Amino acid sequence: MHVDIDSFYASLEEKRNIEIKDKPIVVCVYSGRTEDSGAVSTSNYKARELGIKAGMPIVIAKRIAKGKDVIFLPVDMEYYREVSDRIMEIMEDEADIIEQVSIDEAYLDVTEKSGRDWNKAIEIANSIKEKINSQEDLSVSIGVSSNKFVAKMASDFQKPNGLTIIKEEDIIPFLENFKVSKLHGVGQKTTKSLNELGIETARDLSSYDIKELEREFGKNKAKLLQEKSLGIDLSPVEPKEKKQLSRIGTLKEDTKEINSIFEKIVELSKDMEQRLLKNNVSFRTISLITIDNELKTQTKSETISRTKDVQKVVSISKKLLEKFFEENSDKKLRRVGIRVSNLDFSKSQKTLDDF
């Protein structure tokens, strides 16, 4: 399976501010050099209909949006990562193996969980969609097939909130009419070269003389391109070891009252303890994440001797919180989070008993 969270950043911004729901939303990475310098990180579907897309300079996006009710917002990565972590946990429970490839997408191997039964695989996909919708109020698009490449193509096929199943016998008919530019992993430069050879669709590419392709692209790339056109992909779903574990929560009200903020830290630490036990992980670095009422994020960290003790997270986070307010006495916090990093997954290490 390939699971893709629909317009992730923009959907999250809609969710936490009901007043902007159903409007074109553009989430931007501002460089800070000028008011409008930077680039569009993502946009929701309504903004995309206007022609505003990821990677576009903000100044051009604003030019397109002139005279229209378009909402421009800065990225809030800590918030997005926190929700992403929870969604990845939902998928992890449903899969044999999960390979997270970005903050909003992952490949899942469900071969064993489904018993190699397509109907069971569809049940798993629907279960993932239902859980993410009920727990996070977000939609995802899922592609299910026999390999990663076709699953990715399938998840892009019906958006938003799509579920596309491509069985082995349906792969060629599914792919053959795609423009080569739409094949995942085929960039603009390669598309231009293919078009110059008269290759417009996956069908054209699949039937093109391999020797001619090799002369143009080299042996390895020619083989890869033709395999894409035929929906061949032997790469496995490969789990990536987590680099950090974090929990972030919203306070009942914007506040600078340390005790009430600390209560939230204790609450978050209980949830983190479950994750630490589940992953059998120790850590060295503890971080406190603060998001103030202007949505500015600061992170303070301390590195200690390796431990699995969540009480260390609690005590050090309190100390870092006090330090934050010593330096920012005028600030009120809207959200607070804790993070552990420099992780060591003991279950993946050999012990003396293994020898």
Protein backbone atom coordinates (compact mmCIF):
# COMPACT_ATOMS: atom_id res chain seq x y z
CA MET A 1 0.00 0.00 0.00
CA HIS A 2 0.93 3.63 -0.45
CA VAL A 3 -0.87 5.94 1.98
CA ASP A 4 -0.86 9.70 1.32
CA ILE A 5 -2.48 12.22 3.70
CA ASP A 6 -4.55 14.61 1.60
CA SER A 7 -3.15 18.20 1.46
CA PHE A 8 -1.72 17.54 4.93
CA TYR A 9 -0.49 20.94 6.14
CA ALA A 10 -3.45 22.87 4.75
CA SER A 11 -5.93 20.32 6.15
CA LEU A 12 -4.39 20.67 9.61
CA GLU A 13 -4.63 24.44 9.42
CA GLU A 14 -8.31 24.14 8.44
CA LYS A 15 -8.90 21.79 11.35
CA ARG A 16 -7.54 24.14 14.01
CA ASN A 17 -9.20 27.27 12.56
CA ILE A 18 -12.76 26.55 11.48
CA GLU A 19 -13.12 30.09 10.07
CA ILE A 20 -10.80 29.30 7.14
CA LYS A 21 -12.41 25.97 6.27
CA ASP A 22 -13.45 25.67 2.62
CA LYS A 23 -11.26 28.62 1.57
CA PRO A 24 -8.14 28.36 -0.63
CA ILE A 25 -5.24 27.87 1.81
CA VAL A 26 -1.55 28.29 1.03
CA VAL A 27 1.08 27.19 3.57
CA CYS A 28 4.42 28.96 3.04
CA VAL A 29 8.05 28.76 4.08
CA TYR A 30 9.00 32.40 4.61
CA SER A 31 12.73 33.15 4.26
CA GLY A 32 12.45 36.36 6.30
CA ARG A 33 14.40 38.53 3.86
CA THR A 34 11.25 40.42 2.88
CA GLU A 35 7.59 40.09 3.80
CA ASP A 36 6.85 37.87 0.79
CA SER A 37 10.19 36.15 0.21
CA GLY A 38 10.13 32.37 0.30
CA ALA A 39 8.18 29.57 -1.34
CA VAL A 40 4.86 27.76 -1.15
CA SER A 41 5.22 24.55 0.86
CA THR A 42 1.78 23.20 -0.02
CA SER A 43 -1.71 24.34 -0.90
CA ASN A 44 -5.14 22.80 -0.51
CA TYR A 45 -7.20 21.66 -3.48
CA LYS A 46 -9.11 24.95 -3.79
CA ALA A 47 -5.83 26.88 -4.01
CA ARG A 48 -4.46 24.38 -6.53
CA GLU A 49 -7.51 25.02 -8.72
CA LEU A 50 -6.38 28.66 -8.87
CA GLY A 51 -2.93 27.53 -10.05
CA ILE A 52 -1.08 27.92 -6.73
CA LYS A 53 1.24 24.94 -6.25
CA ALA A 54 4.10 23.71 -4.05
CA GLY A 55 7.50 25.23 -4.83
CA MET A 56 6.05 28.41 -6.32
CA PRO A 57 7.56 31.69 -5.03
CA ILE A 58 5.21 33.34 -2.53
CA VAL A 59 5.24 36.59 -4.48
CA ILE A 60 3.88 34.79 -7.58
CA ALA A 61 1.28 32.92 -5.51
CA LYS A 62 0.07 36.22 -4.07
CA ARG A 63 -0.11 37.69 -7.54
CA ILE A 64 -2.39 34.82 -8.61
CA ALA A 65 -4.45 35.23 -5.44
CA LYS A 66 -4.93 38.98 -5.82
CA GLY A 67 -8.59 39.92 -5.44
CA LYS A 68 -9.51 36.45 -4.18
CA ASP A 69 -10.12 35.30 -0.60
CA VAL A 70 -6.94 33.19 -0.28
CA ILE A 71 -5.44 32.44 3.16
CA PHE A 72 -1.62 32.51 3.43
CA LEU A 73 -0.09 30.87 6.51
CA PRO A 74 3.44 30.05 7.77
CA VAL A 75 4.47 26.41 8.26
CA ASP A 76 4.18 25.00 11.80
CA MET A 77 6.41 21.95 11.52
CA GLU A 78 6.27 20.88 15.18
CA TYR A 79 2.47 20.68 14.99
CA TYR A 80 2.56 18.82 11.66
CA ARG A 81 5.17 16.33 12.91
CA GLU A 82 3.18 15.60 16.04
CA VAL A 83 0.03 14.71 14.06
CA SER A 84 2.13 12.80 11.53
CA ASP A 85 3.65 10.67 14.31
CA ARG A 86 0.20 9.70 15.55
CA ILE A 87 -0.96 8.79 12.05
CA MET A 88 2.16 6.71 11.41
CA GLU A 89 1.42 4.81 14.64
CA ILE A 90 -2.07 3.98 13.36
CA MET A 91 -0.56 2.60 10.14
CA GLU A 92 2.17 0.75 12.03
CA ASP A 93 -0.51 -1.20 13.95
CA GLU A 94 -2.18 -2.23 10.67
CA ALA A 95 0.94 -3.30 8.72
CA ASP A 96 3.64 -5.96 8.77
CA ILE A 97 6.23 -3.34 7.81
CA ILE A 98 5.95 0.44 7.38
CA GLU A 99 8.36 2.68 5.46
CA GLN A 100 7.71 6.35 6.14
CA VAL A 101 8.97 8.32 3.12
CA SER A 102 7.88 11.82 4.17
CA ILE A 103 5.87 13.59 6.86
CA ASP A 104 2.62 12.76 5.03
CA GLU A 105 3.17 9.48 3.18
CA ALA A 106 4.27 5.91 3.78
CA TYR A 107 4.51 2.52 2.13
CA LEU A 108 2.98 -0.44 3.98
CA ASP A 109 3.61 -4.12 3.44
CA VAL A 110 0.45 -6.00 4.47
CA THR A 111 1.27 -9.34 2.82
CA GLU A 112 1.07 -11.37 6.05
CA LYS A 113 -1.72 -9.36 7.72
CA SER A 114 -3.90 -9.78 4.65
CA GLY A 115 -3.01 -13.45 4.18
CA ARG A 116 -2.35 -12.48 0.52
CA ASP A 117 -6.10 -11.94 0.16
CA TRP A 118 -7.13 -8.84 -1.81
CA ASN A 119 -10.45 -8.51 0.03
CA LYS A 120 -8.63 -8.56 3.37
CA ALA A 121 -6.17 -5.95 2.05
CA ILE A 122 -9.12 -3.72 1.13
CA GLU A 123 -10.50 -4.18 4.66
CA ILE A 124 -7.15 -3.08 6.10
CA ALA A 125 -7.08 -0.02 3.82
CA ASN A 126 -10.60 0.96 4.86
CA SER A 127 -9.70 0.42 8.52
CA ILE A 128 -6.72 2.79 8.14
CA LYS A 129 -8.93 5.41 6.47
CA GLU A 130 -11.63 5.12 9.15
CA LYS A 131 -9.18 5.32 12.07
CA ILE A 132 -7.33 8.35 10.68
CA ASN A 133 -10.64 10.07 9.95
CA SER A 134 -12.18 9.36 13.36
CA GLN A 135 -9.04 10.05 15.42
CA GLU A 136 -7.53 12.96 13.46
CA ASP A 137 -10.41 14.22 11.28
CA LEU A 138 -8.23 13.89 8.18
CA SER A 139 -8.64 11.99 4.93
CA VAL A 140 -6.02 9.87 3.18
CA SER A 141 -5.72 8.45 -0.32
CA ILE A 142 -4.55 4.84 -0.54
CA GLY A 143 -3.24 2.80 -3.44
CA VAL A 144 -3.07 -0.98 -3.10
CA SER A 145 -1.12 -3.15 -5.51
CA SER A 146 1.57 -5.82 -5.70
CA ASN A 147 4.52 -3.40 -5.58
CA LYS A 148 5.50 0.06 -4.32
CA PHE A 149 5.61 1.85 -7.68
CA VAL A 150 2.10 0.85 -8.75
CA ALA A 151 0.74 1.46 -5.24
CA LYS A 152 2.12 5.01 -5.41
CA MET A 153 0.59 5.58 -8.85
CA ALA A 154 -2.71 4.21 -7.53
CA SER A 155 -2.81 6.47 -4.46
CA ASP A 156 -2.39 9.51 -6.74
CA PHE A 157 -5.17 8.33 -9.06
CA GLN A 158 -8.22 9.31 -6.98
CA LYS A 159 -7.72 12.29 -4.69
CA PRO A 160 -8.82 13.30 -2.14
CA ASN A 161 -10.00 10.41 0.04
CA GLY A 162 -9.42 7.82 -2.67
CA LEU A 163 -8.93 4.06 -2.53
CA THR A 164 -7.60 2.48 -5.72
CA ILE A 165 -6.91 -1.25 -6.02
CA ILE A 166 -4.69 -2.44 -8.88
CA LYS A 167 -4.34 -6.22 -9.02
CA GLU A 168 -1.50 -7.87 -10.92
CA GLU A 169 -3.58 -8.49 -14.04
CA ASP A 170 -4.76 -4.86 -14.08
CA ILE A 171 -1.33 -3.19 -13.92
CA ILE A 172 -0.67 -2.84 -17.67
CA PRO A 173 -4.20 -1.58 -18.52
CA PHE A 174 -3.99 0.87 -15.58
CA LEU A 175 -0.62 2.35 -16.58
CA GLU A 176 -0.59 2.27 -20.38
CA ASN A 177 -2.42 5.55 -21.02
CA PHE A 178 -0.49 7.60 -18.45
CA LYS A 179 1.68 10.35 -19.92
CA VAL A 180 5.33 9.55 -19.19
CA SER A 181 5.52 12.80 -17.21
CA LYS A 182 2.99 11.30 -14.76
CA LEU A 183 5.03 8.18 -14.05
CA HIS A 184 6.41 8.46 -10.53
CA GLY A 185 10.14 9.25 -10.60
CA VAL A 186 10.25 10.52 -14.19
CA GLY A 187 11.35 14.15 -14.13
CA GLN A 188 10.97 17.03 -16.58
CA LYS A 189 14.36 16.52 -18.26
CA THR A 190 13.74 12.81 -18.85
CA THR A 191 10.19 13.53 -20.06
CA LYS A 192 11.55 16.02 -22.62
CA SER A 193 14.08 13.45 -23.91
CA LEU A 194 11.39 10.76 -24.14
CA ASN A 195 9.01 13.11 -25.97
CA GLU A 196 11.76 13.95 -28.46
CA LEU A 197 11.94 10.22 -29.24
CA GLY A 198 8.19 10.23 -29.89
CA ILE A 199 7.44 8.54 -26.54
CA GLU A 200 4.36 10.17 -25.02
CA THR A 201 2.67 7.44 -22.95
CA ALA A 202 3.61 4.44 -20.83
CA ARG A 203 2.41 2.23 -23.69
CA ASP A 204 4.86 3.94 -26.06
CA LEU A 205 7.66 3.48 -23.54
CA SER A 206 6.90 -0.18 -22.85
CA SER A 207 7.07 -1.08 -26.56
CA TYR A 208 10.06 1.11 -27.47
CA ASP A 209 13.23 -0.68 -28.57
CA ILE A 210 15.36 -1.15 -25.46
CA LYS A 211 18.62 -0.74 -27.41
CA GLU A 212 17.47 2.69 -28.62
CA LEU A 213 16.59 3.65 -25.03
CA GLU A 214 20.02 2.49 -23.85
CA ARG A 215 21.72 4.69 -26.45
CA GLU A 216 19.78 7.69 -25.13
CA PHE A 217 19.81 7.03 -21.37
CA GLY A 218 22.38 4.34 -20.63
CA LYS A 219 21.70 0.70 -19.80
CA ASN A 220 20.56 1.06 -16.18
CA LYS A 221 18.22 4.02 -16.66
CA ALA A 222 16.75 2.57 -19.86
CA LYS A 223 15.90 -0.64 -17.97
CA LEU A 224 14.40 1.34 -15.07
CA LEU A 225 12.25 3.48 -17.39
CA GLN A 226 10.87 0.49 -19.25
CA GLU A 227 10.16 -1.32 -15.98
CA LYS A 228 8.18 1.70 -14.77
CA SER A 229 6.07 1.63 -17.92
CA LEU A 230 5.32 -2.05 -17.26
CA GLY A 231 4.68 -1.56 -13.53
CA ILE A 232 7.68 -3.64 -12.47
CA ASP A 233 9.25 -2.77 -9.11
CA LEU A 234 11.13 -5.27 -6.95
CA SER A 235 12.13 -2.84 -4.17
CA PRO A 236 10.95 -3.99 -0.72
CA VAL A 237 9.17 -1.93 1.91
CA GLU A 238 12.05 -1.04 4.23
CA PRO A 239 11.43 0.26 7.77
CA LYS A 240 13.37 3.36 8.78
CA GLU A 241 14.55 3.58 12.36
CA LYS A 242 12.98 6.48 14.24
CA LYS A 243 15.36 9.35 15.01
CA GLN A 244 13.18 10.85 17.72
CA LEU A 245 9.98 10.39 19.68
CA SER A 246 7.85 13.38 20.63
CA ARG A 247 4.53 14.44 22.09
CA ILE A 248 2.95 17.91 21.82
CA GLY A 249 -0.29 19.16 23.36
CA THR A 250 -2.41 22.31 23.35
CA LEU A 251 -2.91 24.09 26.68
CA LYS A 252 -6.42 24.91 27.95
CA GLU A 253 -5.64 28.59 27.44
CA ASP A 254 -2.65 30.74 26.50
CA THR A 255 -0.65 30.99 29.71
CA LYS A 256 2.68 31.70 31.40
CA GLU A 257 1.66 29.84 34.56
CA ILE A 258 4.41 27.24 34.99
CA ASN A 259 2.41 24.77 37.12
CA SER A 260 -0.43 24.42 34.60
CA ILE A 261 2.07 24.02 31.75
CA PHE A 262 3.95 21.43 33.79
CA GLU A 263 0.70 19.46 34.29
CA LYS A 264 0.47 19.16 30.51
CA ILE A 265 4.11 17.97 30.36
CA VAL A 266 3.33 15.24 32.93
CA GLU A 267 0.28 14.21 30.87
CA LEU A 268 2.39 14.04 27.69
CA SER A 269 5.12 12.07 29.48
CA LYS A 270 2.66 9.26 30.33
CA ASP A 271 1.86 8.82 26.67
CA MET A 272 5.56 9.01 25.78
CA GLU A 273 6.34 6.31 28.35
CA GLN A 274 4.02 3.93 26.49
CA ARG A 275 5.86 4.65 23.24
CA LEU A 276 9.25 4.14 24.86
CA LEU A 277 8.13 0.78 26.26
CA LYS A 278 6.56 -0.25 22.94
CA ASN A 279 9.78 0.51 21.04
CA ASN A 280 12.09 -0.70 23.85
CA VAL A 281 14.18 2.41 23.35
CA SER A 282 16.64 4.39 25.44
CA PHE A 283 17.62 8.00 24.81
CA ARG A 284 20.24 10.62 25.61
CA THR A 285 18.79 13.97 24.54
CA ILE A 286 15.67 15.53 26.07
CA SER A 287 14.02 18.56 24.45
CA LEU A 288 11.28 20.93 25.47
CA ILE A 289 9.24 22.41 22.62
CA THR A 290 7.37 25.65 23.26
CA ILE A 291 4.88 27.31 20.90
CA ASP A 292 3.78 30.77 22.05
CA ASN A 293 0.55 32.64 21.31
CA GLU A 294 2.17 34.14 18.20
CA LEU A 295 2.87 30.57 17.01
CA LYS A 296 6.64 31.01 17.33
CA THR A 297 8.42 27.77 18.20
CA GLN A 298 11.49 27.43 20.41
CA THR A 299 13.29 24.24 21.38
CA LYS A 300 15.60 23.80 24.37
CA SER A 301 17.57 20.58 24.85
CA GLU A 302 19.81 18.80 27.33
CA THR A 303 21.91 15.68 26.77
CA ILE A 304 22.38 13.20 29.63
CA SER A 305 23.68 9.66 30.18
CA ARG A 306 21.67 7.06 28.26
CA THR A 307 18.45 6.11 30.03
CA LYS A 308 14.94 4.70 29.59
CA ASP A 309 13.58 6.61 32.60
CA VAL A 310 10.70 8.88 31.57
CA GLN A 311 10.96 10.71 34.92
CA LYS A 312 14.20 12.19 33.59
CA VAL A 313 12.13 13.66 30.76
CA VAL A 314 9.72 15.19 33.27
CA SER A 315 12.33 16.70 35.59
CA ILE A 316 14.59 18.07 32.84
CA SER A 317 11.61 19.44 30.89
CA LYS A 318 10.53 21.36 34.00
CA LYS A 319 14.02 22.81 34.36
CA LEU A 320 14.05 23.79 30.65
CA LEU A 321 10.58 25.33 31.05
CA GLU A 322 11.77 27.50 33.94
CA LYS A 323 14.78 28.53 31.86
CA PHE A 324 12.48 29.44 28.95
CA PHE A 325 10.47 31.85 31.11
CA GLU A 326 13.61 33.36 32.61
CA GLU A 327 14.55 34.35 29.06
CA ASN A 328 11.00 35.06 27.81
CA SER A 329 9.11 36.49 30.78
CA ASP A 330 6.64 38.32 28.51
CA LYS A 331 5.59 35.22 26.55
CA LYS A 332 2.45 33.12 26.94
CA LEU A 333 2.45 29.55 25.69
CA ARG A 334 -0.29 28.06 23.55
CA ARG A 335 1.23 24.59 23.11
CA VAL A 336 4.04 22.63 24.76
CA GLY A 337 5.84 19.44 23.82
CA ILE A 338 8.54 17.01 24.87
CA ARG A 339 10.95 15.09 22.67
CA VAL A 340 13.62 12.44 23.16
CA SER A 341 16.37 11.80 20.61
CA ASN A 342 19.79 10.14 20.29
CA LEU A 343 17.77 6.94 20.43
CA ASP A 344 19.00 3.39 20.89
CA PHE A 345 16.62 0.57 19.99
CA SER A 346 17.75 -2.26 22.26
CA LYS A 347 15.67 -4.91 20.53
CA SER A 348 17.77 -4.50 17.39
CA GLN A 349 21.05 -4.96 19.26
CA LYS A 350 22.75 -8.24 20.05
CA THR A 351 23.31 -9.05 23.72
CA LEU A 352 25.68 -11.62 25.24
CA ASP A 353 22.78 -14.10 25.36
CA ASP A 354 22.57 -13.99 21.53
CA PHE A 355 26.06 -15.46 21.12
